């Protein structure tokens, strides 16, 4: 089965604030799937009608003021799932809306919003590492049942020096530490992912 999908991703940093830009972009570029991060809107307040009027199918996983992910698709979203789907994880992994997946035309599409990490000495940095560990396992499990997979999102890591303005001054800063680069490399290699 050969399916060509145009998939895009956007950390929108508040969907309702940027709704006009998102709709204009959709109308201009016509992707098959748009993965959104940082929607910052509860599901009950999600501007669903603006998308459905244009013929898009929508799956969202949001919360008030923070985080939030969504899939906007020209095609039906099959087998949608929210979060890691692992009830044994600590509550913080369920409280934060950072992961959504669905199958589109036989391709599993995941939209992820990885935690920022704040600073290398903070608890949030440790949470970011734990998130990457669980994300690696989650994607491995998804690949076992969905060998055609695309993961999009905001991974909150500058993978290479070319991804950041002044790498020599940023090595100790969150998003560009050697530890974070290793987490991202492990995530990619463990799942044979290409960027």
N, C-alpha and C. Protein backbone atom coordinates (compact mmCIF):
# COMPACT_ATOMS: atom_id res chain seq x y z
N UNK A 1 0.85 -1.18 0.00
CA UNK A 1 0.00 0.00 0.00
C UNK A 1 0.89 1.24 0.00
N UNK A 2 0.78 2.04 -1.01
CA UNK A 2 1.60 3.23 -1.13
C UNK A 2 0.73 4.46 -0.91
N UNK A 3 0.92 5.10 0.22
CA UNK A 3 0.16 6.30 0.54
C UNK A 3 1.13 7.45 0.69
N UNK A 4 0.88 8.51 -0.03
CA UNK A 4 1.68 9.71 0.11
C UNK A 4 0.86 10.71 0.91
N UNK A 5 1.35 11.06 2.08
CA UNK A 5 0.67 12.02 2.94
C UNK A 5 1.54 13.25 3.13
N UNK A 6 0.92 14.40 3.08
CA UNK A 6 1.60 15.65 3.40
C UNK A 6 1.31 15.93 4.87
N UNK A 7 2.34 15.78 5.71
CA UNK A 7 2.19 15.93 7.16
C UNK A 7 3.02 17.13 7.61
N UNK A 8 2.41 17.97 8.43
CA UNK A 8 3.10 19.15 8.95
C UNK A 8 2.95 19.18 10.46
N UNK A 9 3.83 19.91 11.11
CA UNK A 9 3.77 20.06 12.56
C UNK A 9 4.00 21.51 12.93
N UNK A 10 3.37 21.94 14.05
CA UNK A 10 3.45 23.35 14.45
C UNK A 10 3.23 23.45 15.95
N UNK A 11 4.24 23.98 16.65
CA UNK A 11 4.02 24.37 18.05
C UNK A 11 3.35 25.73 17.98
N UNK A 12 2.04 25.71 18.17
CA UNK A 12 1.22 26.88 17.94
C UNK A 12 1.21 27.84 19.14
N UNK A 13 1.65 27.37 20.31
CA UNK A 13 1.74 28.22 21.51
C UNK A 13 0.47 29.03 21.73
N UNK A 14 -0.65 28.34 21.83
CA UNK A 14 -2.00 28.86 22.07
C UNK A 14 -2.78 28.91 20.77
N UNK A 15 -3.56 27.87 20.56
CA UNK A 15 -4.34 27.75 19.34
C UNK A 15 -5.34 28.89 19.18
N UNK A 16 -6.04 29.22 20.26
CA UNK A 16 -7.07 30.26 20.13
C UNK A 16 -6.45 31.61 19.78
N UNK A 17 -5.24 31.89 20.28
CA UNK A 17 -4.56 33.14 19.95
C UNK A 17 -4.16 33.18 18.49
N UNK A 18 -3.77 32.05 17.95
CA UNK A 18 -3.26 31.99 16.58
C UNK A 18 -4.21 31.31 15.59
N UNK A 19 -5.47 31.23 15.96
CA UNK A 19 -6.43 30.51 15.14
C UNK A 19 -6.49 31.04 13.70
N UNK A 20 -6.53 32.34 13.53
CA UNK A 20 -6.61 32.91 12.18
C UNK A 20 -5.38 32.51 11.35
N UNK A 21 -4.20 32.51 11.97
CA UNK A 21 -2.98 32.11 11.26
C UNK A 21 -3.02 30.64 10.88
N UNK A 22 -3.50 29.80 11.79
CA UNK A 22 -3.57 28.36 11.53
C UNK A 22 -4.53 28.09 10.36
N UNK A 23 -5.69 28.72 10.38
CA UNK A 23 -6.66 28.49 9.31
C UNK A 23 -6.14 29.01 7.97
N UNK A 24 -5.50 30.16 7.99
CA UNK A 24 -4.92 30.70 6.76
C UNK A 24 -3.84 29.75 6.22
N UNK A 25 -3.02 29.24 7.13
CA UNK A 25 -1.96 28.31 6.72
C UNK A 25 -2.56 27.03 6.14
N UNK A 26 -3.59 26.49 6.80
CA UNK A 26 -4.25 25.28 6.29
C UNK A 26 -4.83 25.52 4.91
N UNK A 27 -5.50 26.65 4.73
CA UNK A 27 -6.12 26.95 3.44
C UNK A 27 -5.06 27.08 2.34
N UNK A 28 -3.91 27.64 2.69
CA UNK A 28 -2.85 27.85 1.71
C UNK A 28 -2.10 26.57 1.38
N UNK A 29 -1.74 25.80 2.40
CA UNK A 29 -0.84 24.66 2.22
C UNK A 29 -1.53 23.31 2.10
N UNK A 30 -2.75 23.21 2.56
CA UNK A 30 -3.56 22.00 2.39
C UNK A 30 -2.86 20.70 2.79
N UNK A 31 -2.32 20.60 4.01
CA UNK A 31 -1.71 19.34 4.41
C UNK A 31 -2.77 18.26 4.61
N UNK A 32 -2.36 17.02 4.47
CA UNK A 32 -3.27 15.92 4.82
C UNK A 32 -3.45 15.86 6.33
N UNK A 33 -2.36 16.11 7.06
CA UNK A 33 -2.40 16.07 8.52
C UNK A 33 -1.57 17.22 9.06
N UNK A 34 -2.13 17.90 10.06
CA UNK A 34 -1.39 18.92 10.80
C UNK A 34 -1.35 18.48 12.25
N UNK A 35 -0.14 18.33 12.77
CA UNK A 35 0.07 17.99 14.18
C UNK A 35 0.34 19.29 14.93
N UNK A 36 -0.42 19.53 15.98
CA UNK A 36 -0.25 20.75 16.77
C UNK A 36 0.26 20.42 18.16
N UNK A 37 1.07 21.32 18.70
CA UNK A 37 1.53 21.22 20.08
C UNK A 37 1.28 22.56 20.77
N UNK A 38 1.22 22.50 22.08
CA UNK A 38 0.94 23.66 22.93
C UNK A 38 -0.34 24.37 22.50
N UNK A 39 -1.39 23.59 22.33
CA UNK A 39 -2.68 24.18 21.98
C UNK A 39 -3.23 25.03 23.13
N UNK A 40 -2.91 24.66 24.35
CA UNK A 40 -3.29 25.42 25.55
C UNK A 40 -4.79 25.68 25.63
N UNK A 41 -5.57 24.66 25.31
CA UNK A 41 -7.03 24.80 25.37
C UNK A 41 -7.64 23.47 25.78
N UNK A 42 -8.61 23.55 26.70
CA UNK A 42 -9.33 22.36 27.13
C UNK A 42 -10.13 21.81 25.95
N UNK A 43 -10.36 20.52 25.95
CA UNK A 43 -11.09 19.88 24.85
C UNK A 43 -12.48 20.49 24.65
N UNK A 44 -13.15 20.84 25.74
CA UNK A 44 -14.51 21.40 25.63
C UNK A 44 -14.52 22.79 25.00
N UNK A 45 -13.38 23.48 25.00
CA UNK A 45 -13.29 24.82 24.41
C UNK A 45 -12.52 24.83 23.08
N UNK A 46 -12.11 23.66 22.63
CA UNK A 46 -11.36 23.56 21.38
C UNK A 46 -12.22 24.07 20.22
N UNK A 47 -11.67 24.91 19.34
CA UNK A 47 -12.45 25.48 18.22
C UNK A 47 -12.69 24.46 17.10
N UNK A 48 -13.33 23.39 17.45
CA UNK A 48 -13.55 22.25 16.56
C UNK A 48 -14.25 22.64 15.26
N UNK A 49 -15.29 23.45 15.37
CA UNK A 49 -16.12 23.79 14.21
C UNK A 49 -15.32 24.49 13.11
N UNK A 50 -14.35 25.29 13.49
CA UNK A 50 -13.53 25.99 12.49
C UNK A 50 -12.81 25.00 11.58
N UNK A 51 -12.47 23.84 12.11
CA UNK A 51 -11.79 22.82 11.32
C UNK A 51 -12.78 21.93 10.58
N UNK A 52 -13.83 21.50 11.26
CA UNK A 52 -14.79 20.60 10.63
C UNK A 52 -15.52 21.27 9.47
N UNK A 53 -15.74 22.59 9.56
CA UNK A 53 -16.36 23.32 8.45
C UNK A 53 -15.50 23.27 7.20
N UNK A 54 -14.21 23.09 7.37
CA UNK A 54 -13.29 23.00 6.24
C UNK A 54 -13.08 21.54 5.80
N UNK A 55 -13.80 20.62 6.43
CA UNK A 55 -13.71 19.22 6.04
C UNK A 55 -12.66 18.42 6.79
N UNK A 56 -12.08 18.99 7.83
CA UNK A 56 -11.04 18.29 8.58
C UNK A 56 -11.65 17.46 9.71
N UNK A 57 -10.99 16.36 10.00
CA UNK A 57 -11.28 15.53 11.17
C UNK A 57 -10.30 15.96 12.26
N UNK A 58 -10.75 15.91 13.50
CA UNK A 58 -9.93 16.44 14.60
C UNK A 58 -9.91 15.47 15.77
N UNK A 59 -8.73 15.30 16.33
CA UNK A 59 -8.57 14.62 17.63
C UNK A 59 -7.71 15.55 18.48
N UNK A 60 -8.14 15.78 19.72
CA UNK A 60 -7.41 16.69 20.57
C UNK A 60 -7.25 16.12 21.97
N UNK A 61 -6.23 16.61 22.63
CA UNK A 61 -5.93 16.20 24.01
C UNK A 61 -5.37 17.45 24.68
N UNK A 62 -6.26 18.19 25.35
CA UNK A 62 -5.85 19.49 25.86
C UNK A 62 -6.12 19.68 27.34
N UNK A 63 -5.58 20.77 27.82
CA UNK A 63 -5.81 21.19 29.20
C UNK A 63 -5.75 22.70 29.23
N UNK A 64 -6.28 23.27 30.29
CA UNK A 64 -6.35 24.72 30.42
C UNK A 64 -4.95 25.33 30.57
N UNK A 65 -4.64 26.30 29.74
CA UNK A 65 -3.46 27.17 29.84
C UNK A 65 -2.11 26.54 29.54
N UNK A 66 -2.02 25.22 29.52
CA UNK A 66 -0.72 24.57 29.34
C UNK A 66 -0.82 23.42 28.34
N UNK A 67 0.32 23.07 27.78
CA UNK A 67 0.46 21.84 26.99
C UNK A 67 -0.60 21.73 25.90
N UNK A 68 -1.07 20.53 25.66
CA UNK A 68 -2.10 20.28 24.66
C UNK A 68 -1.53 19.91 23.30
N UNK A 69 -2.11 18.86 22.71
CA UNK A 69 -1.72 18.39 21.38
C UNK A 69 -2.99 18.09 20.58
N UNK A 70 -2.86 18.12 19.26
CA UNK A 70 -4.02 17.83 18.42
C UNK A 70 -3.55 17.30 17.07
N UNK A 71 -4.46 16.57 16.43
CA UNK A 71 -4.27 16.10 15.06
C UNK A 71 -5.43 16.65 14.23
N UNK A 72 -5.10 17.32 13.14
CA UNK A 72 -6.08 17.87 12.22
C UNK A 72 -5.84 17.14 10.89
N UNK A 73 -6.87 16.46 10.37
CA UNK A 73 -6.64 15.59 9.21
C UNK A 73 -7.75 15.70 8.17
N UNK A 74 -7.36 15.67 6.90
CA UNK A 74 -8.33 15.61 5.81
C UNK A 74 -9.01 14.25 5.75
N UNK A 75 -8.37 13.25 6.32
CA UNK A 75 -8.86 11.87 6.28
C UNK A 75 -9.33 11.45 7.67
N UNK A 76 -10.19 10.45 7.77
CA UNK A 76 -10.63 10.00 9.09
C UNK A 76 -9.45 9.59 9.98
N UNK A 77 -9.59 9.89 11.25
CA UNK A 77 -8.59 9.54 12.26
C UNK A 77 -9.04 8.25 12.92
N UNK A 78 -8.34 7.17 12.61
CA UNK A 78 -8.71 5.86 13.13
C UNK A 78 -7.90 5.52 14.38
N UNK A 79 -8.53 4.80 15.29
CA UNK A 79 -7.86 4.29 16.49
C UNK A 79 -7.09 5.39 17.25
N UNK A 80 -7.77 6.52 17.57
CA UNK A 80 -7.06 7.57 18.30
C UNK A 80 -6.72 7.13 19.72
N UNK A 81 -5.58 7.61 20.21
CA UNK A 81 -5.19 7.32 21.59
C UNK A 81 -4.57 8.57 22.20
N UNK A 82 -4.79 8.73 23.49
CA UNK A 82 -4.31 9.89 24.23
C UNK A 82 -3.27 9.45 25.25
N UNK A 83 -2.18 10.18 25.32
CA UNK A 83 -1.15 9.87 26.31
C UNK A 83 -0.44 8.57 25.99
N UNK A 84 0.31 8.09 26.99
CA UNK A 84 1.10 6.88 26.81
C UNK A 84 0.27 5.61 26.86
N UNK A 85 -0.95 5.68 27.39
CA UNK A 85 -1.78 4.49 27.48
C UNK A 85 -1.27 3.47 28.47
N UNK A 86 -0.47 3.93 29.41
CA UNK A 86 0.12 3.04 30.42
C UNK A 86 -0.33 3.51 31.80
N UNK A 87 -1.30 2.82 32.36
CA UNK A 87 -1.87 3.23 33.64
C UNK A 87 -0.91 3.08 34.81
N UNK A 88 0.20 2.38 34.62
CA UNK A 88 1.14 2.19 35.73
C UNK A 88 2.09 3.38 35.89
N UNK A 89 2.08 4.31 34.95
CA UNK A 89 2.95 5.49 35.07
C UNK A 89 2.45 6.42 36.17
N UNK A 90 3.34 7.20 36.77
CA UNK A 90 2.93 8.17 37.79
C UNK A 90 1.89 9.15 37.23
N UNK A 91 1.08 9.71 38.12
CA UNK A 91 -0.01 10.60 37.73
C UNK A 91 0.41 11.77 36.85
N UNK A 92 1.61 12.29 37.06
CA UNK A 92 2.05 13.44 36.28
C UNK A 92 2.04 13.16 34.78
N UNK A 93 2.26 11.92 34.39
CA UNK A 93 2.25 11.57 32.97
C UNK A 93 0.83 11.59 32.40
N UNK A 94 -0.16 11.43 33.27
CA UNK A 94 -1.56 11.45 32.83
C UNK A 94 -2.15 12.86 32.92
N UNK A 95 -1.65 13.66 33.85
CA UNK A 95 -2.18 15.00 34.07
C UNK A 95 -1.76 15.97 32.96
N UNK A 96 -0.62 15.74 32.37
CA UNK A 96 -0.11 16.63 31.33
C UNK A 96 -0.45 16.08 29.95
N UNK A 97 -1.10 16.90 29.15
CA UNK A 97 -1.59 16.47 27.83
C UNK A 97 -0.50 16.72 26.78
N UNK A 98 0.34 15.72 26.58
CA UNK A 98 1.53 15.90 25.75
C UNK A 98 1.64 14.92 24.58
N UNK A 99 0.68 14.02 24.41
CA UNK A 99 0.83 12.97 23.40
C UNK A 99 -0.53 12.56 22.86
N UNK A 100 -0.62 12.48 21.54
CA UNK A 100 -1.83 11.99 20.89
C UNK A 100 -1.42 11.23 19.63
N UNK A 101 -2.17 10.19 19.30
CA UNK A 101 -1.85 9.39 18.12
C UNK A 101 -3.14 8.95 17.44
N UNK A 102 -3.07 8.73 16.15
CA UNK A 102 -4.18 8.16 15.38
C UNK A 102 -3.60 7.61 14.08
N UNK A 103 -4.37 6.75 13.44
CA UNK A 103 -3.96 6.20 12.16
C UNK A 103 -4.70 6.93 11.04
N UNK A 104 -3.93 7.35 10.04
CA UNK A 104 -4.47 8.08 8.89
C UNK A 104 -4.00 7.36 7.63
N UNK A 105 -4.95 6.83 6.87
CA UNK A 105 -4.62 6.15 5.62
C UNK A 105 -3.55 5.07 5.83
N UNK A 106 -3.63 4.35 6.93
CA UNK A 106 -2.70 3.26 7.20
C UNK A 106 -1.38 3.68 7.82
N UNK A 107 -1.22 4.96 8.12
CA UNK A 107 0.01 5.48 8.73
C UNK A 107 -0.31 5.97 10.14
N UNK A 108 0.43 5.48 11.12
CA UNK A 108 0.25 5.94 12.50
C UNK A 108 0.93 7.30 12.62
N UNK A 109 0.17 8.30 13.06
CA UNK A 109 0.67 9.66 13.22
C UNK A 109 0.63 10.00 14.71
N UNK A 110 1.75 10.48 15.23
CA UNK A 110 1.85 10.87 16.64
C UNK A 110 2.26 12.34 16.71
N UNK A 111 1.55 13.09 17.55
CA UNK A 111 1.94 14.47 17.85
C UNK A 111 2.39 14.49 19.30
N UNK A 112 3.63 14.93 19.52
CA UNK A 112 4.22 14.92 20.87
C UNK A 112 4.71 16.31 21.25
N UNK A 113 4.50 16.64 22.51
CA UNK A 113 5.06 17.87 23.07
C UNK A 113 5.87 17.47 24.30
N UNK A 114 7.18 17.39 24.12
CA UNK A 114 8.09 16.95 25.19
C UNK A 114 8.33 18.10 26.16
N UNK A 115 8.41 17.80 27.45
CA UNK A 115 8.67 18.87 28.43
C UNK A 115 9.96 19.63 28.14
N UNK A 116 9.98 20.88 28.53
CA UNK A 116 11.14 21.75 28.31
C UNK A 116 12.32 21.36 29.17
N UNK A 117 12.10 21.09 30.43
CA UNK A 117 13.18 20.69 31.33
C UNK A 117 13.69 21.78 32.24
N UNK A 118 13.36 23.00 31.95
CA UNK A 118 13.68 24.19 32.76
C UNK A 118 15.17 24.43 32.94
N UNK A 119 15.84 23.63 33.76
CA UNK A 119 17.29 23.76 33.95
C UNK A 119 17.84 22.39 34.32
N UNK A 120 19.12 22.14 34.02
CA UNK A 120 19.68 20.80 34.28
C UNK A 120 19.66 20.37 35.75
N UNK A 121 19.46 21.29 36.67
CA UNK A 121 19.43 20.92 38.09
C UNK A 121 18.01 20.83 38.65
N UNK A 122 17.01 21.02 37.82
CA UNK A 122 15.63 21.03 38.32
C UNK A 122 14.97 19.66 38.25
N UNK A 123 13.89 19.50 39.01
CA UNK A 123 13.08 18.28 38.94
C UNK A 123 12.45 18.14 37.55
N UNK A 124 12.19 19.27 36.90
CA UNK A 124 11.60 19.23 35.57
C UNK A 124 12.55 18.61 34.55
N UNK A 125 13.84 18.75 34.78
CA UNK A 125 14.83 18.14 33.89
C UNK A 125 14.78 16.61 34.05
N UNK A 126 14.66 16.16 35.28
CA UNK A 126 14.53 14.72 35.54
C UNK A 126 13.24 14.18 34.92
N UNK A 127 12.16 14.97 34.99
CA UNK A 127 10.90 14.57 34.37
C UNK A 127 11.05 14.46 32.85
N UNK A 128 11.80 15.40 32.27
CA UNK A 128 12.04 15.36 30.83
C UNK A 128 12.77 14.07 30.44
N UNK A 129 13.76 13.69 31.23
CA UNK A 129 14.48 12.44 30.95
C UNK A 129 13.53 11.25 31.05
N UNK A 130 12.71 11.22 32.10
CA UNK A 130 11.74 10.12 32.26
C UNK A 130 10.76 10.11 31.09
N UNK A 131 10.34 11.29 30.66
CA UNK A 131 9.42 11.37 29.52
C UNK A 131 10.06 10.76 28.28
N UNK A 132 11.32 11.10 28.02
CA UNK A 132 12.01 10.52 26.86
C UNK A 132 12.12 9.00 26.97
N UNK A 133 12.39 8.49 28.16
CA UNK A 133 12.46 7.04 28.35
C UNK A 133 11.13 6.38 28.01
N UNK A 134 10.03 6.97 28.51
CA UNK A 134 8.70 6.41 28.23
C UNK A 134 8.31 6.60 26.77
N UNK A 135 8.71 7.74 26.19
CA UNK A 135 8.41 7.97 24.78
C UNK A 135 9.12 6.95 23.89
N UNK A 136 10.35 6.62 24.24
CA UNK A 136 11.10 5.61 23.49
C UNK A 136 10.37 4.27 23.53
N UNK A 137 9.93 3.85 24.71
CA UNK A 137 9.19 2.59 24.84
C UNK A 137 7.85 2.64 24.12
N UNK A 138 7.16 3.77 24.25
CA UNK A 138 5.85 3.95 23.62
C UNK A 138 5.96 3.82 22.10
N UNK A 139 6.93 4.51 21.51
CA UNK A 139 7.09 4.46 20.06
C UNK A 139 7.48 3.05 19.61
N UNK A 140 8.31 2.37 20.39
CA UNK A 140 8.66 0.98 20.07
C UNK A 140 7.41 0.11 20.02
N UNK A 141 6.54 0.28 21.01
CA UNK A 141 5.29 -0.49 21.04
C UNK A 141 4.38 -0.12 19.87
N UNK A 142 4.31 1.16 19.54
CA UNK A 142 3.50 1.59 18.40
C UNK A 142 4.03 0.99 17.10
N UNK A 143 5.35 0.98 16.94
CA UNK A 143 5.95 0.42 15.73
C UNK A 143 5.69 -1.08 15.59
N UNK A 144 5.53 -1.76 16.70
CA UNK A 144 5.26 -3.20 16.65
C UNK A 144 3.92 -3.50 15.98
N UNK A 145 2.96 -2.59 16.14
CA UNK A 145 1.64 -2.79 15.53
C UNK A 145 1.38 -1.85 14.35
N UNK A 146 2.20 -0.82 14.23
CA UNK A 146 2.04 0.17 13.15
C UNK A 146 3.41 0.44 12.52
N UNK A 147 3.88 -0.43 11.64
CA UNK A 147 5.23 -0.25 11.08
C UNK A 147 5.37 1.01 10.23
N UNK A 148 4.26 1.57 9.77
CA UNK A 148 4.31 2.84 9.04
C UNK A 148 3.93 3.93 10.03
N UNK A 149 4.92 4.68 10.50
CA UNK A 149 4.71 5.62 11.60
C UNK A 149 5.44 6.93 11.34
N UNK A 150 4.77 8.02 11.69
CA UNK A 150 5.37 9.35 11.66
C UNK A 150 5.15 9.97 13.02
N UNK A 151 6.22 10.46 13.64
CA UNK A 151 6.09 11.19 14.89
C UNK A 151 6.55 12.62 14.65
N UNK A 152 5.68 13.55 14.99
CA UNK A 152 5.97 14.97 14.83
C UNK A 152 5.85 15.63 16.20
N UNK A 153 6.48 16.77 16.34
CA UNK A 153 6.27 17.49 17.57
C UNK A 153 7.36 18.45 17.92
N UNK A 154 7.24 18.93 19.13
CA UNK A 154 8.26 19.79 19.72
C UNK A 154 9.00 18.92 20.72
N UNK A 155 10.23 18.57 20.38
CA UNK A 155 11.02 17.66 21.20
C UNK A 155 11.89 18.41 22.20
N UNK A 156 11.87 19.73 22.15
CA UNK A 156 12.57 20.59 23.11
C UNK A 156 14.04 20.21 23.30
N UNK A 157 14.68 19.87 22.19
CA UNK A 157 16.12 19.62 22.18
C UNK A 157 16.67 20.10 20.84
N UNK A 158 17.76 20.83 20.90
CA UNK A 158 18.50 21.18 19.69
C UNK A 158 19.46 20.02 19.45
N UNK A 159 19.19 19.25 18.43
CA UNK A 159 19.94 18.01 18.19
C UNK A 159 21.39 18.24 17.79
N UNK A 160 21.63 19.30 17.06
CA UNK A 160 22.98 19.55 16.54
C UNK A 160 23.34 21.01 16.70
N UNK A 161 24.62 21.31 16.60
CA UNK A 161 25.10 22.69 16.73
C UNK A 161 24.43 23.62 15.73
N UNK A 162 24.14 23.12 14.54
CA UNK A 162 23.51 23.96 13.52
C UNK A 162 22.07 24.35 13.87
N UNK A 163 21.50 23.70 14.88
CA UNK A 163 20.12 23.98 15.29
C UNK A 163 20.01 25.13 16.28
N UNK A 164 21.12 25.72 16.65
CA UNK A 164 21.11 26.75 17.69
C UNK A 164 22.03 27.90 17.29
N UNK A 165 21.69 29.08 17.73
CA UNK A 165 22.40 30.29 17.32
C UNK A 165 23.87 30.29 17.71
N UNK A 166 24.17 30.11 19.00
CA UNK A 166 25.56 30.12 19.48
C UNK A 166 25.83 28.85 20.29
N UNK A 167 26.13 27.77 19.62
CA UNK A 167 26.28 26.49 20.31
C UNK A 167 27.36 26.49 21.39
N UNK A 168 28.45 27.18 21.14
CA UNK A 168 29.55 27.19 22.12
C UNK A 168 29.13 27.82 23.44
N UNK A 169 28.13 28.68 23.43
CA UNK A 169 27.66 29.33 24.66
C UNK A 169 26.44 28.62 25.24
N UNK A 170 25.95 27.62 24.55
CA UNK A 170 24.69 26.99 24.95
C UNK A 170 24.83 25.58 25.51
N UNK A 171 26.04 25.05 25.58
CA UNK A 171 26.24 23.65 25.98
C UNK A 171 25.69 23.36 27.37
N UNK A 172 25.68 24.34 28.25
CA UNK A 172 25.17 24.11 29.60
C UNK A 172 23.71 24.52 29.74
N UNK A 173 23.12 25.03 28.69
CA UNK A 173 21.73 25.48 28.73
C UNK A 173 20.79 24.33 28.40
N UNK A 174 19.63 24.38 29.04
CA UNK A 174 18.61 23.40 28.73
C UNK A 174 18.28 23.49 27.23
N UNK A 175 17.96 22.40 26.63
CA UNK A 175 17.66 22.18 25.22
C UNK A 175 18.90 21.79 24.42
N UNK A 176 20.10 22.02 24.97
CA UNK A 176 21.31 21.72 24.20
C UNK A 176 22.39 21.06 25.04
N UNK A 177 22.02 20.46 26.15
CA UNK A 177 23.02 19.79 26.97
C UNK A 177 23.40 18.45 26.35
N UNK A 178 24.60 17.96 26.63
CA UNK A 178 24.99 16.64 26.12
C UNK A 178 24.02 15.54 26.56
N UNK A 179 23.51 15.64 27.79
CA UNK A 179 22.56 14.63 28.27
C UNK A 179 21.31 14.60 27.39
N UNK A 180 20.77 15.77 27.09
CA UNK A 180 19.56 15.83 26.26
C UNK A 180 19.83 15.32 24.85
N UNK A 181 20.97 15.69 24.31
CA UNK A 181 21.30 15.20 22.98
C UNK A 181 21.40 13.67 22.96
N UNK A 182 21.89 13.10 24.05
CA UNK A 182 21.97 11.64 24.15
C UNK A 182 20.57 11.03 24.25
N UNK A 183 19.66 11.66 25.00
CA UNK A 183 18.29 11.15 25.09
C UNK A 183 17.65 11.10 23.71
N UNK A 184 17.83 12.18 22.95
CA UNK A 184 17.24 12.24 21.62
C UNK A 184 17.88 11.20 20.69
N UNK A 185 19.19 11.06 20.77
CA UNK A 185 19.89 10.07 19.94
C UNK A 185 19.42 8.65 20.28
N UNK A 186 19.26 8.36 21.56
CA UNK A 186 18.78 7.05 21.99
C UNK A 186 17.36 6.81 21.49
N UNK A 187 16.51 7.82 21.62
CA UNK A 187 15.13 7.73 21.15
C UNK A 187 15.09 7.39 19.66
N UNK A 188 15.90 8.08 18.88
CA UNK A 188 15.93 7.84 17.44
C UNK A 188 16.48 6.46 17.10
N UNK A 189 17.64 6.12 17.68
CA UNK A 189 18.30 4.86 17.31
C UNK A 189 17.51 3.65 17.80
N UNK A 190 16.93 3.73 18.97
CA UNK A 190 16.17 2.59 19.51
C UNK A 190 14.97 2.25 18.63
N UNK A 191 14.46 3.25 17.92
CA UNK A 191 13.29 3.04 17.08
C UNK A 191 13.59 3.14 15.59
N UNK A 192 14.88 3.23 15.24
CA UNK A 192 15.31 3.35 13.84
C UNK A 192 14.57 4.48 13.13
N UNK A 193 14.49 5.63 13.81
CA UNK A 193 13.79 6.79 13.25
C UNK A 193 14.74 7.67 12.45
N UNK A 194 14.23 8.24 11.40
CA UNK A 194 15.00 9.18 10.57
C UNK A 194 14.37 10.55 10.68
N UNK A 195 15.22 11.57 10.68
CA UNK A 195 14.74 12.95 10.76
C UNK A 195 14.87 13.59 9.39
